[in-house]
Amino acid sequence: KLARVMGIHRNTLRSYLKQNDVSYKYSEISDADLDNAVRGFRQMKPNSGVRYLTGHLRQLGLRIQ
């Protein structure tokens, strides 16, 4: 989608990302560590939804599926 918005081919975007050492992989985190992060967020914001949780995890530097 990003390549389309930028008006370039996806392979060109992939090449630029590789040249500049930009990683677009998912974070390696154990289930237990992820559970702790989610649990901590739920304690702070018990009524928040999945989108807020995902944003919180990204703020912590985690990229998950």
N, C-alpha and C. Protein backbone atom coordinates (compact mmCIF):
# COMPACT_ATOMS: atom_id res chain seq x y z
N LYS A 1 0.83 -1.18 0.00
CA LYS A 1 0.00 0.00 0.00
C LYS A 1 0.88 1.26 0.00
N LEU A 2 1.95 1.23 0.80
CA LEU A 2 2.85 2.38 0.85
C LEU A 2 3.45 2.67 -0.52
N ALA A 3 3.86 1.62 -1.21
CA ALA A 3 4.44 1.81 -2.54
C ALA A 3 3.43 2.44 -3.48
N ARG A 4 2.20 2.01 -3.40
CA ARG A 4 1.15 2.55 -4.26
C ARG A 4 0.94 4.05 -3.96
N VAL A 5 0.90 4.40 -2.68
CA VAL A 5 0.72 5.80 -2.29
C VAL A 5 1.88 6.66 -2.78
N MET A 6 3.09 6.10 -2.72
CA MET A 6 4.28 6.84 -3.15
C MET A 6 4.43 6.85 -4.67
N GLY A 7 3.66 6.02 -5.36
CA GLY A 7 3.73 5.98 -6.81
C GLY A 7 4.93 5.22 -7.35
N ILE A 8 5.41 4.24 -6.56
CA ILE A 8 6.54 3.42 -7.00
C ILE A 8 6.16 1.95 -6.90
N HIS A 9 6.94 1.12 -7.57
CA HIS A 9 6.70 -0.32 -7.54
C HIS A 9 7.11 -0.88 -6.17
N ARG A 10 6.43 -1.91 -5.72
CA ARG A 10 6.73 -2.48 -4.40
C ARG A 10 8.16 -3.00 -4.30
N ASN A 11 8.72 -3.50 -5.40
CA ASN A 11 10.11 -3.97 -5.38
C ASN A 11 11.08 -2.80 -5.19
N THR A 12 10.75 -1.65 -5.76
CA THR A 12 11.58 -0.45 -5.58
C THR A 12 11.56 -0.03 -4.12
N LEU A 13 10.39 -0.03 -3.53
CA LEU A 13 10.28 0.31 -2.10
C LEU A 13 11.07 -0.66 -1.26
N ARG A 14 10.94 -1.94 -1.54
CA ARG A 14 11.67 -2.97 -0.80
C ARG A 14 13.19 -2.74 -0.92
N SER A 15 13.63 -2.37 -2.12
CA SER A 15 15.05 -2.09 -2.34
C SER A 15 15.51 -0.89 -1.52
N TYR A 16 14.73 0.18 -1.51
CA TYR A 16 15.07 1.37 -0.71
C TYR A 16 15.13 1.03 0.78
N LEU A 17 14.17 0.24 1.25
CA LEU A 17 14.17 -0.16 2.66
C LEU A 17 15.43 -0.95 3.00
N LYS A 18 15.80 -1.85 2.11
CA LYS A 18 16.99 -2.68 2.33
C LYS A 18 18.26 -1.84 2.32
N GLN A 19 18.36 -0.91 1.38
CA GLN A 19 19.54 -0.04 1.28
C GLN A 19 19.74 0.80 2.53
N ASN A 20 18.64 1.18 3.17
CA ASN A 20 18.70 2.05 4.34
C ASN A 20 18.52 1.31 5.66
N ASP A 21 18.65 -0.01 5.62
CA ASP A 21 18.54 -0.86 6.81
C ASP A 21 17.26 -0.63 7.60
N VAL A 22 16.15 -0.45 6.90
CA VAL A 22 14.85 -0.30 7.55
C VAL A 22 14.20 -1.67 7.62
N SER A 23 13.92 -2.11 8.82
CA SER A 23 13.33 -3.43 9.01
C SER A 23 11.80 -3.34 9.03
N TYR A 24 11.16 -4.26 8.38
CA TYR A 24 9.71 -4.31 8.39
C TYR A 24 9.23 -5.69 8.86
N LYS A 25 10.09 -6.35 9.62
CA LYS A 25 9.76 -7.67 10.16
C LYS A 25 9.02 -7.51 11.48
N TYR A 26 8.45 -8.61 11.93
CA TYR A 26 7.76 -8.62 13.22
C TYR A 26 8.78 -8.79 14.35
N SER A 27 8.42 -8.28 15.50
CA SER A 27 9.30 -8.37 16.68
C SER A 27 9.36 -9.81 17.18
N GLU A 28 10.52 -10.17 17.69
CA GLU A 28 10.66 -11.47 18.33
C GLU A 28 10.43 -11.27 19.82
N ILE A 29 9.31 -11.78 20.31
CA ILE A 29 8.94 -11.62 21.70
C ILE A 29 8.28 -12.92 22.15
N SER A 30 8.59 -13.34 23.35
CA SER A 30 8.00 -14.58 23.85
C SER A 30 6.53 -14.34 24.20
N ASP A 31 5.77 -15.42 24.23
CA ASP A 31 4.36 -15.33 24.60
C ASP A 31 4.21 -14.73 26.00
N ALA A 32 5.07 -15.13 26.90
CA ALA A 32 4.99 -14.64 28.28
C ALA A 32 5.23 -13.14 28.35
N ASP A 33 6.23 -12.64 27.60
CA ASP A 33 6.52 -11.20 27.60
C ASP A 33 5.38 -10.41 26.95
N LEU A 34 4.82 -10.95 25.89
CA LEU A 34 3.69 -10.29 25.24
C LEU A 34 2.48 -10.28 26.18
N ASP A 35 2.24 -11.40 26.86
CA ASP A 35 1.14 -11.46 27.84
C ASP A 35 1.33 -10.41 28.93
N ASN A 36 2.56 -10.23 29.39
CA ASN A 36 2.83 -9.24 30.44
C ASN A 36 2.57 -7.82 29.93
N ALA A 37 2.97 -7.54 28.70
CA ALA A 37 2.75 -6.22 28.12
C ALA A 37 1.25 -5.94 27.97
N VAL A 38 0.51 -6.94 27.50
CA VAL A 38 -0.94 -6.78 27.34
C VAL A 38 -1.61 -6.63 28.70
N ARG A 39 -1.19 -7.43 29.65
CA ARG A 39 -1.76 -7.36 31.00
C ARG A 39 -1.53 -5.98 31.63
N GLY A 40 -0.32 -5.46 31.47
CA GLY A 40 -0.01 -4.13 31.99
C GLY A 40 -0.87 -3.05 31.35
N PHE A 41 -1.07 -3.15 30.04
CA PHE A 41 -1.92 -2.18 29.35
C PHE A 41 -3.36 -2.28 29.84
N ARG A 42 -3.85 -3.51 29.99
CA ARG A 42 -5.24 -3.72 30.43
C ARG A 42 -5.48 -3.17 31.84
N GLN A 43 -4.45 -3.22 32.66
CA GLN A 43 -4.58 -2.67 34.01
C GLN A 43 -4.67 -1.15 33.96
N MET A 44 -3.92 -0.52 33.06
CA MET A 44 -3.94 0.94 32.94
C MET A 44 -5.21 1.44 32.23
N LYS A 45 -5.62 0.71 31.21
CA LYS A 45 -6.75 1.13 30.37
C LYS A 45 -7.72 -0.05 30.16
N PRO A 46 -8.47 -0.44 31.18
CA PRO A 46 -9.31 -1.64 31.08
C PRO A 46 -10.43 -1.56 30.04
N ASN A 47 -10.85 -0.37 29.66
CA ASN A 47 -11.96 -0.24 28.71
C ASN A 47 -11.51 0.02 27.28
N SER A 48 -10.22 0.03 27.04
CA SER A 48 -9.70 0.29 25.69
C SER A 48 -9.79 -0.95 24.82
N GLY A 49 -9.87 -0.71 23.52
CA GLY A 49 -10.01 -1.80 22.57
C GLY A 49 -8.69 -2.24 21.96
N VAL A 50 -8.81 -3.08 20.95
CA VAL A 50 -7.66 -3.69 20.30
C VAL A 50 -6.78 -2.65 19.60
N ARG A 51 -7.39 -1.64 18.99
CA ARG A 51 -6.60 -0.63 18.29
C ARG A 51 -5.72 0.15 19.25
N TYR A 52 -6.26 0.48 20.41
CA TYR A 52 -5.45 1.17 21.41
C TYR A 52 -4.34 0.28 21.92
N LEU A 53 -4.64 -1.00 22.10
CA LEU A 53 -3.63 -1.96 22.54
C LEU A 53 -2.51 -2.06 21.51
N THR A 54 -2.88 -2.17 20.25
CA THR A 54 -1.88 -2.26 19.19
C THR A 54 -1.01 -1.01 19.16
N GLY A 55 -1.62 0.16 19.31
CA GLY A 55 -0.86 1.40 19.36
C GLY A 55 0.10 1.44 20.53
N HIS A 56 -0.36 0.95 21.67
CA HIS A 56 0.50 0.90 22.86
C HIS A 56 1.70 -0.01 22.61
N LEU A 57 1.46 -1.16 22.02
CA LEU A 57 2.56 -2.09 21.74
C LEU A 57 3.54 -1.48 20.74
N ARG A 58 3.04 -0.75 19.75
CA ARG A 58 3.93 -0.08 18.80
C ARG A 58 4.76 0.99 19.51
N GLN A 59 4.12 1.68 20.45
CA GLN A 59 4.84 2.70 21.21
C GLN A 59 5.98 2.08 22.01
N LEU A 60 5.79 0.84 22.42
CA LEU A 60 6.84 0.11 23.15
C LEU A 60 7.90 -0.43 22.19
N GLY A 61 7.70 -0.24 20.89
CA GLY A 61 8.66 -0.71 19.90
C GLY A 61 8.40 -2.12 19.42
N LEU A 62 7.20 -2.62 19.68
CA LEU A 62 6.86 -3.99 19.26
C LEU A 62 6.01 -3.96 18.02
N ARG A 63 6.33 -4.81 17.09
CA ARG A 63 5.55 -4.96 15.87
C ARG A 63 5.08 -6.41 15.85
N ILE A 64 3.78 -6.60 16.02
CA ILE A 64 3.24 -7.96 16.12
C ILE A 64 2.20 -8.22 15.04
N GLN A 65 1.91 -9.49 14.83
CA GLN A 65 0.89 -9.88 13.84
C GLN A 65 -0.48 -9.82 14.47
